[in-house]
Amino acid sequence: MKRRAFIAASAAAAFHAAGGPVGFRLPGSGLPTPPVSDLSVWFDAARIAGLSDGAAVSRWEDLTGRGRHAAQATGTKQPLFKVNQQNGLPGVLADGVDDFLQTAAFVRAQPHAVWFCMKLTDTTPGINTEFLDGRAVNTARIFSMIGTYPHLTLYSGGYFSNDRDAGNTVVGYALFEGASSSLVVNGVTVGGTLGTSSASGLSILGMTGVSTPGYMFEVFCKDGNITSDRDAGIDYLTNKWQP
């Protein structure tokens, strides 16, 4: 049985939520913040406080100050906090069986964007994955279809018309915007068409019935037309997480 643990919000998060300038380096943390304003949600494994290596994650604090924390009440379904996993920084590890974290409901109407950094621990073809989604399956899904794994694609009211080979470690960006949707995986961009359905909340590394074998290092989201923020967010994640 995994030990339940609580992830305390850091003073850095409080300062950011209070309106500190985007992109600055927080005192004592040595870590930059995403250079994207008005985030709807933000999770960063490098800012997790109070957990030792291998401890179970029962709640991952939302660093926007909006209180949209990702939680898992069932001990056996809680992912693990693991130190020194990517560029010397920690990650949150799901077992690929039933681990996942999920926020409460909040509206994510299109257009909306997701920046993320993750790492697969199993790239065996045929695995059904759920990297990120809304609370309901296929509402804002970033995943790999059986048969194309570990290629990433999207689903929101319909399948995205393209995919990209994810390999192991991924810095990615997904724009959910109907016929103008796009996906960026490790610097390569593909466009495609999705449905226009809204999502509610955020599921991380899986949901009931499916879990992704791997790490989530950081994920943040923004509502609205955010094309101008795309590259800045990608560069931030690449500089922070890629060796």
Protein backbone atom coordinates (compact mmCIF):
# COMPACT_ATOMS: atom_id res chain seq x y z
CA MET A 1 0.00 0.00 0.00
CA LYS A 2 1.40 3.33 -1.01
CA ARG A 3 1.84 5.92 1.69
CA ARG A 4 -0.45 8.86 1.27
CA ALA A 5 1.20 12.25 1.34
CA PHE A 6 0.28 15.86 0.95
CA ILE A 7 2.22 18.26 -1.27
CA ALA A 8 2.46 21.63 0.44
CA ALA A 9 2.24 24.77 -1.64
CA SER A 10 5.55 26.60 -1.77
CA ALA A 11 6.18 30.23 -0.94
CA ALA A 12 7.20 30.59 -4.56
CA ALA A 13 3.70 29.65 -5.70
CA ALA A 14 2.16 32.14 -3.31
CA PHE A 15 4.37 34.91 -4.67
CA HIS A 16 3.48 34.00 -8.24
CA ALA A 17 -0.23 33.92 -7.40
CA ALA A 18 0.07 37.33 -5.78
CA GLY A 19 1.01 38.79 -9.14
CA GLY A 20 4.78 38.50 -9.41
CA PRO A 21 6.10 39.24 -12.92
CA VAL A 22 6.00 36.33 -15.34
CA GLY A 23 9.37 34.79 -16.17
CA PHE A 24 11.24 36.03 -13.10
CA ARG A 25 13.39 33.79 -10.90
CA LEU A 26 11.82 33.21 -7.52
CA PRO A 27 13.96 33.95 -4.48
CA GLY A 28 15.68 30.85 -3.18
CA SER A 29 14.19 28.50 -5.76
CA GLY A 30 16.59 29.03 -8.67
CA LEU A 31 13.71 28.10 -10.96
CA PRO A 32 12.03 30.35 -13.55
CA THR A 33 8.27 30.58 -13.93
CA PRO A 34 6.45 29.98 -17.24
CA PRO A 35 6.66 33.09 -19.47
CA VAL A 36 2.91 32.87 -20.12
CA SER A 37 0.44 35.04 -18.22
CA ASP A 38 -3.04 34.17 -16.91
CA LEU A 39 -2.55 30.42 -16.70
CA SER A 40 -5.67 28.41 -15.85
CA VAL A 41 -3.64 25.72 -14.06
CA TRP A 42 0.06 24.92 -13.45
CA PHE A 43 1.78 21.86 -11.98
CA ASP A 44 5.56 21.60 -11.56
CA ALA A 45 7.27 18.57 -10.03
CA ALA A 46 10.39 20.66 -9.36
CA ARG A 47 8.42 22.79 -6.88
CA ILE A 48 6.97 19.91 -4.88
CA ALA A 49 7.90 20.31 -1.23
CA GLY A 50 7.89 17.96 1.75
CA LEU A 51 8.12 14.58 -0.01
CA SER A 52 10.95 12.08 0.04
CA ASP A 53 11.99 9.90 -2.89
CA GLY A 54 9.34 7.25 -3.57
CA ALA A 55 6.59 8.92 -1.50
CA ALA A 56 3.03 8.68 -2.81
CA VAL A 57 1.44 11.83 -4.21
CA SER A 58 -2.09 12.30 -2.92
CA ARG A 59 -2.33 15.94 -4.05
CA TRP A 60 -0.30 18.02 -6.48
CA GLU A 61 -0.64 21.73 -5.81
CA ASP A 62 -1.87 24.08 -8.53
CA LEU A 63 0.70 26.90 -8.58
CA THR A 64 -1.58 29.52 -10.19
CA GLY A 65 -3.26 30.30 -6.89
CA ARG A 66 -6.64 29.26 -8.33
CA GLY A 67 -6.81 26.21 -6.06
CA ARG A 68 -7.28 23.70 -8.88
CA HIS A 69 -5.17 21.02 -7.23
CA ALA A 70 -4.88 17.54 -8.75
CA ALA A 71 -5.71 14.81 -6.25
CA GLN A 72 -6.07 11.06 -5.83
CA ALA A 73 -7.82 9.79 -2.70
CA THR A 74 -7.22 6.07 -3.31
CA GLY A 75 -3.81 5.13 -1.93
CA THR A 76 -3.14 2.34 -4.42
CA LYS A 77 -3.78 4.72 -7.33
CA GLN A 78 -1.47 7.51 -6.20
CA PRO A 79 1.61 8.10 -8.37
CA LEU A 80 5.05 8.44 -6.79
CA PHE A 81 7.39 11.37 -6.29
CA LYS A 82 10.83 10.46 -7.67
CA VAL A 83 13.95 12.64 -7.35
CA ASN A 84 16.63 13.30 -9.98
CA GLN A 85 14.71 11.99 -12.99
CA GLN A 86 15.16 14.65 -15.67
CA ASN A 87 17.99 17.16 -15.92
CA GLY A 88 18.59 16.70 -12.18
CA LEU A 89 14.98 17.53 -11.31
CA PRO A 90 12.20 15.31 -9.88
CA GLY A 91 9.11 13.90 -11.52
CA VAL A 92 5.74 12.35 -10.70
CA LEU A 93 5.64 8.69 -11.80
CA ALA A 94 2.53 6.67 -12.72
CA ASP A 95 2.62 2.87 -12.81
CA GLY A 96 0.77 2.38 -16.11
CA VAL A 97 -1.88 0.30 -14.33
CA ASP A 98 -4.25 2.58 -12.42
CA ASP A 99 -2.32 5.62 -11.12
CA PHE A 100 -3.56 9.11 -11.99
CA LEU A 101 -4.33 12.55 -10.55
CA GLN A 102 -7.35 14.70 -11.34
CA THR A 103 -8.57 18.21 -10.60
CA ALA A 104 -12.09 19.24 -9.73
CA ALA A 105 -14.25 20.53 -12.57
CA PHE A 106 -13.45 23.86 -14.22
CA VAL A 107 -14.34 24.97 -17.74
CA ARG A 108 -11.76 24.69 -20.55
CA ALA A 109 -13.60 26.06 -23.58
CA GLN A 110 -11.85 26.12 -26.96
CA PRO A 111 -9.52 27.58 -27.88
CA HIS A 112 -7.25 26.39 -25.08
CA ALA A 113 -3.63 25.26 -24.96
CA VAL A 114 -1.53 22.82 -22.95
CA TRP A 115 2.26 22.89 -22.51
CA PHE A 116 3.81 19.79 -20.96
CA CYS A 117 7.01 17.84 -20.30
CA MET A 118 6.80 14.09 -19.68
CA LYS A 119 8.84 10.92 -20.05
CA LEU A 120 7.66 7.42 -20.93
CA THR A 121 9.06 4.47 -19.01
CA ASP A 122 7.60 1.85 -21.36
CA THR A 123 7.46 2.29 -25.14
CA THR A 124 6.10 -1.18 -25.93
CA PRO A 125 3.66 -1.00 -28.89
CA GLY A 126 0.04 -1.69 -28.03
CA ILE A 127 -0.18 0.22 -24.76
CA ASN A 128 -3.26 2.42 -24.34
CA THR A 129 -2.17 5.72 -22.81
CA GLU A 130 -3.75 8.82 -21.36
CA PHE A 131 -1.11 11.51 -20.79
CA LEU A 132 -3.52 14.40 -20.22
CA ASP A 133 -7.26 14.91 -20.66
CA GLY A 134 -10.27 16.59 -19.14
CA ARG A 135 -12.17 14.83 -16.37
CA ALA A 136 -14.21 13.02 -19.02
CA VAL A 137 -12.35 10.86 -21.54
CA ASN A 138 -11.64 12.30 -25.00
CA THR A 139 -12.61 15.88 -24.14
CA ALA A 140 -9.06 17.31 -24.31
CA ARG A 141 -7.00 14.17 -24.67
CA ILE A 142 -3.25 13.98 -25.35
CA PHE A 143 -2.48 10.30 -25.84
CA SER A 144 -1.06 7.54 -28.00
CA MET A 145 -3.32 5.19 -29.94
CA ILE A 146 -2.76 1.44 -29.79
CA GLY A 147 -0.75 0.49 -32.87
CA THR A 148 1.07 3.81 -33.17
CA TYR A 149 2.53 4.01 -29.65
CA PRO A 150 4.57 5.97 -28.67
CA HIS A 151 3.27 8.46 -31.26
CA LEU A 152 1.30 11.30 -29.65
CA THR A 153 -2.01 12.54 -30.99
CA LEU A 154 -5.08 14.46 -29.76
CA TYR A 155 -8.81 13.87 -29.31
CA SER A 156 -11.59 16.34 -28.63
CA GLY A 157 -14.93 15.47 -30.20
CA GLY A 158 -12.97 13.53 -32.83
CA TYR A 159 -9.47 12.28 -33.60
CA PHE A 160 -6.72 14.66 -34.62
CA SER A 161 -5.64 14.06 -38.20
CA ASN A 162 -1.91 13.78 -37.42
CA ASP A 163 0.50 12.33 -34.85
CA ARG A 164 4.14 12.68 -33.85
CA ASP A 165 6.69 10.14 -32.61
CA ALA A 166 7.19 10.84 -28.92
CA GLY A 167 10.17 8.61 -28.13
CA ASN A 168 10.96 8.81 -24.41
CA THR A 169 11.18 12.41 -23.14
CA VAL A 170 8.72 14.91 -24.62
CA VAL A 171 8.46 18.67 -24.50
CA GLY A 172 5.08 19.27 -26.04
CA TYR A 173 2.35 21.79 -26.81
CA ALA A 174 -1.23 21.13 -27.85
CA LEU A 175 -3.69 23.73 -29.12
CA PHE A 176 -7.33 22.65 -29.05
CA GLU A 177 -9.03 24.94 -31.58
CA GLY A 178 -11.31 22.93 -33.86
CA ALA A 179 -10.10 22.93 -37.45
CA SER A 180 -7.09 25.09 -36.50
CA SER A 181 -5.70 22.73 -33.85
CA SER A 182 -2.01 21.89 -33.65
CA LEU A 183 0.47 19.65 -31.84
CA VAL A 184 4.18 20.27 -31.20
CA VAL A 185 6.41 17.39 -30.07
CA ASN A 186 10.09 18.10 -29.42
CA GLY A 187 10.15 21.02 -31.84
CA VAL A 188 8.18 19.45 -34.70
CA THR A 189 4.74 20.92 -35.44
CA VAL A 190 1.76 19.28 -37.13
CA GLY A 191 -1.64 20.81 -37.77
CA GLY A 192 -4.97 19.07 -37.84
CA THR A 193 -8.68 19.14 -37.16
CA LEU A 194 -10.52 18.38 -33.93
CA GLY A 195 -14.07 18.75 -32.74
CA THR A 196 -15.01 21.89 -30.85
CA SER A 197 -16.16 20.40 -27.54
CA SER A 198 -15.14 21.95 -24.24
CA ALA A 199 -13.35 20.09 -21.45
CA SER A 200 -13.92 20.19 -17.72
CA GLY A 201 -10.93 20.00 -15.40
CA LEU A 202 -7.64 18.18 -15.99
CA SER A 203 -6.59 14.53 -15.62
CA ILE A 204 -2.84 13.85 -15.33
CA LEU A 205 -1.19 10.56 -16.39
CA GLY A 206 -4.51 8.75 -16.73
CA MET A 207 -8.05 8.45 -15.45
CA THR A 208 -10.33 5.65 -14.24
CA GLY A 209 -9.46 2.54 -16.23
CA VAL A 210 -6.24 3.75 -17.87
CA SER A 211 -2.83 4.94 -16.67
CA THR A 212 0.32 6.01 -18.51
CA PRO A 213 3.63 4.32 -17.62
CA GLY A 214 5.86 7.31 -17.11
CA TYR A 215 6.66 10.66 -15.54
CA MET A 216 4.95 14.02 -15.69
CA PHE A 217 7.43 16.79 -14.96
CA GLU A 218 5.43 19.92 -15.65
CA VAL A 219 2.15 20.95 -17.25
CA PHE A 220 0.41 24.30 -17.57
CA CYS A 221 -2.67 25.43 -19.47
CA LYS A 222 -4.17 28.65 -20.78
CA ASP A 223 -7.55 29.58 -22.25
CA GLY A 224 -8.07 31.74 -25.32
CA ASN A 225 -6.12 32.31 -28.51
CA ILE A 226 -2.54 31.97 -27.30
CA THR A 227 -0.53 31.50 -30.51
CA SER A 228 1.84 34.30 -29.50
CA ASP A 229 2.74 32.44 -26.28
CA ARG A 230 3.41 29.09 -27.90
CA ASP A 231 7.15 29.27 -28.56
CA ALA A 232 7.96 31.07 -25.30
CA GLY A 233 6.30 28.29 -23.30
CA ILE A 234 8.05 25.57 -25.31
CA ASP A 235 11.45 27.25 -24.91
CA TYR A 236 10.90 27.58 -21.17
CA LEU A 237 10.21 23.85 -20.79
CA THR A 238 13.08 22.86 -23.09
CA ASN A 239 15.64 24.99 -21.25
CA LYS A 240 14.48 23.75 -17.87
CA TRP A 241 13.96 20.02 -18.47
CA GLN A 242 16.07 18.95 -21.44
CA PRO A 243 19.75 18.18 -20.69
